[in-house]
Amino acid sequence: MIKNNLKIMAVVLFASVCSSIAQGAERPDAETLVHKADNFRQPFSGANLKVRLTSYRNGKQHNEANYHIWSSGNEKSLVAMLDPKVRGQKVLMLPEGMWLHMPNSRRAIRITPMQRLMGQASYGDITQLRMGGLYKAIYNPETPDGEVEGKSVWNLKLSSIHANATYTTIDLSVAKDTGQPVSAAFYLQSGKLLKKAIYGSIEDTSNGSVISNMTFFDSMKANRKTVMELFDMKEKDFKGTDFSVRTLARWKP
């Protein structure tokens, strides 16, 4: 009797191990999935684009802001604010930090990527459109796959590996069939959930298949959200361009 039970346990254990190995072999590399997801947002190594943020409260539009962005990789970006009240303000992101320059000011002010820009969007949300290189990705050990927004997804856990990364941890869900980002949850260093996001649908454009919008949801106030739209995106070569605090005041693309 005991021998039979041991045989059954051995068979079950063997089947479980084989199943885990097979499942692991079927999974794409986690870092590769992040790269695919990034390409739906910003497919170029250098890009010239515009961003619009629209915040809502209780289903009604609360605020809107527009930005012109020049992005080189995922470590260097310059943002020009376009709306009349803030026109002339610029934000510079470099590997070593982020700065805000005000018109008629001699010195730029150091800020952090996580500081709120408008609504539920932070400065880092518009300057770091690609996550690869800023975060290390693994499969979520608790729920490696599942279903989100009606799509079968791989669930990834991204941990910051760069001092200038906006978030400490991101839970990212990527569609199994296309590799498109579906949803994300952003966490503070304390482990507290800051906000969630749902990515828009794939659009076929001259830049290929892209996702041009995402919606951020406040983790504490369910009646507040912010929609981020990317448009007028063009590939741009920034070779020889001086992204520096020293030249920020007179920087012209």
Protein backbone atom coordinates (compact mmCIF):
# COMPACT_ATOMS: atom_id res chain seq x y z
CA MET A 1 0.00 0.00 0.00
CA ILE A 2 2.76 2.39 1.01
CA LYS A 3 4.76 1.48 -2.10
CA ASN A 4 1.75 2.19 -4.31
CA ASN A 5 1.22 5.58 -2.67
CA LEU A 6 4.87 6.46 -3.15
CA LYS A 7 4.65 5.48 -6.81
CA ILE A 8 1.58 7.68 -7.29
CA MET A 9 3.29 10.63 -5.58
CA ALA A 10 6.36 10.15 -7.75
CA VAL A 11 4.27 10.11 -10.93
CA VAL A 12 2.38 13.26 -9.88
CA LEU A 13 5.60 15.06 -8.98
CA PHE A 14 7.22 14.03 -12.28
CA ALA A 15 4.19 15.23 -14.25
CA SER A 16 4.21 18.54 -12.37
CA VAL A 17 7.91 19.10 -13.06
CA CYS A 18 7.47 18.23 -16.75
CA SER A 19 4.53 20.61 -16.99
CA SER A 20 6.54 23.44 -15.42
CA ILE A 21 9.46 22.80 -17.76
CA ALA A 22 7.16 22.73 -20.80
CA GLN A 23 5.44 25.93 -19.70
CA GLY A 24 8.79 27.65 -19.19
CA ALA A 25 9.95 26.54 -22.62
CA GLU A 26 6.81 27.99 -24.22
CA ARG A 27 7.19 31.38 -22.62
CA PRO A 28 8.97 34.11 -24.59
CA ASP A 29 11.89 35.81 -22.89
CA ALA A 30 10.55 38.48 -20.51
CA GLU A 31 12.97 41.17 -21.73
CA THR A 32 11.95 40.43 -25.33
CA LEU A 33 8.30 41.00 -24.39
CA VAL A 34 9.18 44.40 -22.91
CA HIS A 35 11.00 45.32 -26.12
CA LYS A 36 7.95 44.36 -28.18
CA ALA A 37 5.67 46.37 -25.89
CA ASP A 38 7.98 49.38 -26.17
CA ASN A 39 7.86 49.27 -29.96
CA PHE A 40 4.09 49.77 -29.87
CA ARG A 41 4.61 53.04 -27.98
CA GLN A 42 7.80 54.51 -29.45
CA PRO A 43 9.38 52.38 -32.21
CA PHE A 44 12.37 54.64 -32.94
CA SER A 45 15.76 55.13 -31.29
CA GLY A 46 15.16 58.86 -31.76
CA ALA A 47 11.77 60.53 -32.16
CA ASN A 48 10.12 63.92 -32.54
CA LEU A 49 6.51 63.83 -31.34
CA LYS A 50 3.71 65.63 -29.53
CA VAL A 51 1.82 64.54 -26.43
CA ARG A 52 -1.57 65.65 -25.17
CA LEU A 53 -2.73 65.04 -21.59
CA THR A 54 -6.43 65.34 -20.76
CA SER A 55 -7.61 64.88 -17.19
CA TYR A 56 -11.15 63.98 -16.15
CA ARG A 57 -13.08 64.19 -12.89
CA ASN A 58 -16.45 62.55 -12.48
CA GLY A 59 -16.54 61.87 -16.22
CA LYS A 60 -16.04 65.52 -17.17
CA GLN A 61 -12.92 67.07 -18.69
CA HIS A 62 -10.98 68.95 -16.04
CA ASN A 63 -7.79 70.06 -17.77
CA GLU A 64 -5.72 69.68 -20.94
CA ALA A 65 -2.06 70.28 -21.74
CA ASN A 66 0.11 69.85 -24.84
CA TYR A 67 3.82 69.10 -25.15
CA HIS A 68 6.46 68.79 -27.87
CA ILE A 69 8.98 66.04 -27.15
CA TRP A 70 12.37 65.19 -28.60
CA SER A 71 13.41 61.75 -27.39
CA SER A 72 16.78 60.06 -27.87
CA GLY A 73 16.66 56.46 -26.69
CA ASN A 74 15.11 56.02 -23.26
CA GLU A 75 17.61 58.13 -21.31
CA LYS A 76 17.58 61.54 -23.02
CA SER A 77 14.50 63.67 -23.68
CA LEU A 78 13.62 67.31 -23.98
CA VAL A 79 10.07 68.58 -23.49
CA ALA A 80 8.74 71.98 -24.55
CA MET A 81 5.42 73.03 -23.03
CA LEU A 82 3.10 74.45 -25.69
CA ASP A 83 0.14 75.97 -23.86
CA PRO A 84 0.12 79.79 -23.49
CA LYS A 85 0.32 79.88 -19.67
CA VAL A 86 3.44 77.70 -19.57
CA ARG A 87 4.95 78.34 -23.01
CA GLY A 88 8.72 78.59 -22.78
CA GLN A 89 9.06 76.08 -19.96
CA LYS A 90 11.31 73.12 -20.80
CA VAL A 91 12.06 69.82 -19.14
CA LEU A 92 15.32 67.96 -19.74
CA MET A 93 15.86 64.32 -18.87
CA LEU A 94 19.36 62.84 -18.80
CA PRO A 95 20.73 59.59 -17.33
CA GLU A 96 21.88 61.53 -14.28
CA GLY A 97 18.65 63.40 -13.56
CA MET A 98 15.84 65.69 -14.69
CA TRP A 99 15.60 69.48 -14.79
CA LEU A 100 12.87 72.08 -15.31
CA HIS A 101 13.81 75.42 -16.89
CA MET A 102 11.50 78.43 -16.53
CA PRO A 103 11.55 81.37 -18.98
CA ASN A 104 13.80 84.25 -17.91
CA SER A 105 15.47 82.02 -15.30
CA ARG A 106 19.23 81.63 -15.24
CA ARG A 107 19.25 78.20 -13.66
CA ALA A 108 17.24 75.06 -14.19
CA ILE A 109 15.49 73.46 -11.21
CA ARG A 110 16.18 69.82 -10.47
CA ILE A 111 13.02 67.70 -10.33
CA THR A 112 12.22 63.96 -10.27
CA PRO A 113 10.52 61.86 -12.97
CA MET A 114 7.81 60.83 -10.50
CA GLN A 115 6.66 64.39 -9.79
CA ARG A 116 3.13 65.00 -10.99
CA LEU A 117 2.88 66.86 -14.28
CA MET A 118 -0.89 66.96 -14.70
CA GLY A 119 -3.71 64.84 -13.37
CA GLN A 120 -2.47 61.27 -12.90
CA ALA A 121 0.50 61.71 -15.28
CA SER A 122 4.05 62.33 -14.10
CA TYR A 123 7.02 63.94 -15.85
CA GLY A 124 8.49 60.47 -16.37
CA ASP A 125 5.37 59.27 -18.20
CA ILE A 126 6.02 61.62 -21.11
CA THR A 127 9.84 61.51 -21.10
CA GLN A 128 10.34 57.75 -20.70
CA LEU A 129 8.16 56.18 -23.39
CA ARG A 130 10.32 53.03 -23.46
CA MET A 131 10.86 50.81 -20.41
CA GLY A 132 13.67 48.63 -21.75
CA GLY A 133 17.03 49.44 -20.17
CA LEU A 134 15.40 51.16 -17.21
CA TYR A 135 13.81 48.05 -15.69
CA LYS A 136 14.64 44.36 -15.36
CA ALA A 137 11.74 42.13 -16.33
CA ILE A 138 10.75 38.73 -14.98
CA TYR A 139 7.51 36.79 -15.11
CA ASN A 140 5.21 37.56 -12.20
CA PRO A 141 5.90 34.53 -9.97
CA GLU A 142 2.35 34.50 -8.57
CA THR A 143 0.37 34.95 -11.81
CA PRO A 144 2.65 34.46 -14.85
CA ASP A 145 -0.32 34.51 -17.21
CA GLY A 146 -4.03 35.31 -17.23
CA GLU A 147 -6.67 37.46 -18.91
CA VAL A 148 -6.91 41.26 -18.89
CA GLU A 149 -9.38 43.40 -20.84
CA GLY A 150 -10.57 40.27 -22.67
CA LYS A 151 -7.05 39.41 -23.85
CA SER A 152 -4.89 36.43 -22.91
CA VAL A 153 -1.74 37.95 -21.40
CA TRP A 154 1.69 37.31 -19.96
CA ASN A 155 2.11 39.09 -16.61
CA LEU A 156 5.53 40.63 -16.03
CA LYS A 157 7.12 42.28 -13.02
CA LEU A 158 9.54 45.10 -13.85
CA SER A 159 12.03 46.31 -11.24
CA SER A 160 14.01 49.51 -11.74
CA ILE A 161 17.73 49.08 -12.47
CA HIS A 162 18.43 52.71 -13.34
CA ALA A 163 18.63 55.54 -10.83
CA ASN A 164 16.50 57.77 -13.06
CA ALA A 165 13.68 55.24 -13.67
CA THR A 166 10.32 56.80 -12.83
CA TYR A 167 8.89 53.91 -10.81
CA THR A 168 10.37 51.35 -8.43
CA THR A 169 8.20 48.51 -9.73
CA ILE A 170 5.74 48.06 -12.59
CA ASP A 171 3.37 45.15 -13.13
CA LEU A 172 2.96 44.92 -16.90
CA SER A 173 0.51 42.71 -18.80
CA VAL A 174 1.41 41.95 -22.42
CA ALA A 175 -0.91 40.28 -24.96
CA LYS A 176 0.24 36.76 -25.84
CA ASP A 177 -0.76 36.98 -29.50
CA THR A 178 0.59 40.42 -30.46
CA GLY A 179 3.02 41.47 -27.71
CA GLN A 180 1.12 44.73 -27.23
CA PRO A 181 0.97 46.25 -23.73
CA VAL A 182 -2.52 45.84 -22.25
CA SER A 183 -2.35 47.18 -18.70
CA ALA A 184 0.12 48.31 -16.06
CA ALA A 185 0.24 49.02 -12.34
CA PHE A 186 2.85 51.45 -10.97
CA TYR A 187 4.27 51.18 -7.45
CA LEU A 188 6.17 53.46 -5.08
CA GLN A 189 9.36 52.42 -3.27
CA SER A 190 7.23 51.60 -0.21
CA GLY A 191 5.34 49.04 -2.29
CA LYS A 192 2.18 51.16 -2.30
CA LEU A 193 0.17 51.20 -5.53
CA LEU A 194 0.34 54.68 -7.09
CA LYS A 195 -1.86 54.24 -10.17
CA LYS A 196 -2.96 51.86 -12.88
CA ALA A 197 -3.11 52.24 -16.65
CA ILE A 198 -4.96 50.69 -19.57
CA TYR A 199 -3.36 50.91 -23.03
CA GLY A 200 -5.43 51.75 -26.11
CA SER A 201 -6.01 49.67 -29.22
CA ILE A 202 -3.46 49.06 -31.98
CA GLU A 203 -3.57 51.53 -34.85
CA ASP A 204 -1.97 51.04 -38.27
CA THR A 205 0.02 54.17 -39.14
CA SER A 206 2.90 55.21 -41.36
CA ASN A 207 5.14 54.26 -38.41
CA GLY A 208 3.72 50.73 -38.34
CA SER A 209 1.36 49.29 -35.73
CA VAL A 210 1.32 51.60 -32.73
CA ILE A 211 -0.69 52.33 -29.58
CA SER A 212 -1.14 56.08 -29.46
CA ASN A 213 -3.04 56.44 -26.19
CA MET A 214 -3.22 55.14 -22.65
CA THR A 215 -5.37 56.03 -19.66
CA PHE A 216 -4.06 56.45 -16.10
CA PHE A 217 -6.40 55.75 -13.19
CA ASP A 218 -5.88 57.16 -9.71
CA SER A 219 -5.45 54.41 -7.10
CA MET A 220 -7.20 56.42 -4.38
CA LYS A 221 -9.79 58.47 -6.26
CA ALA A 222 -11.84 56.31 -8.60
CA ASN A 223 -13.50 59.32 -10.24
CA ARG A 224 -10.23 60.66 -11.65
CA LYS A 225 -8.32 59.61 -14.74
CA THR A 226 -5.91 61.09 -17.28
CA VAL A 227 -5.68 60.19 -20.98
CA MET A 228 -2.28 60.46 -22.64
CA GLU A 229 -2.22 60.71 -26.45
CA LEU A 230 0.84 60.52 -28.72
CA PHE A 231 0.65 62.05 -32.19
CA ASP A 232 2.71 63.59 -35.04
CA MET A 233 5.49 61.10 -34.29
CA LYS A 234 8.48 61.20 -36.64
CA GLU A 235 11.83 59.45 -36.54
CA LYS A 236 14.73 61.80 -35.85
CA ASP A 237 18.50 61.35 -35.67
CA PHE A 238 19.95 63.19 -32.68
CA LYS A 239 23.58 62.35 -33.41
CA GLY A 240 25.67 65.34 -32.38
CA THR A 241 22.81 66.99 -30.48
CA ASP A 242 23.87 68.46 -27.15
CA PHE A 243 21.33 67.39 -24.53
CA SER A 244 22.72 69.22 -21.49
CA VAL A 245 21.66 71.48 -18.63
CA ARG A 246 24.28 74.01 -19.76
CA THR A 247 22.54 74.53 -23.09
CA LEU A 248 18.94 74.04 -21.92
CA ALA A 249 18.02 77.73 -21.82
CA ARG A 250 18.95 78.28 -25.48
CA TRP A 251 18.19 74.78 -26.75
CA LYS A 252 16.42 74.78 -30.09
CA PRO A 253 15.63 71.54 -31.97
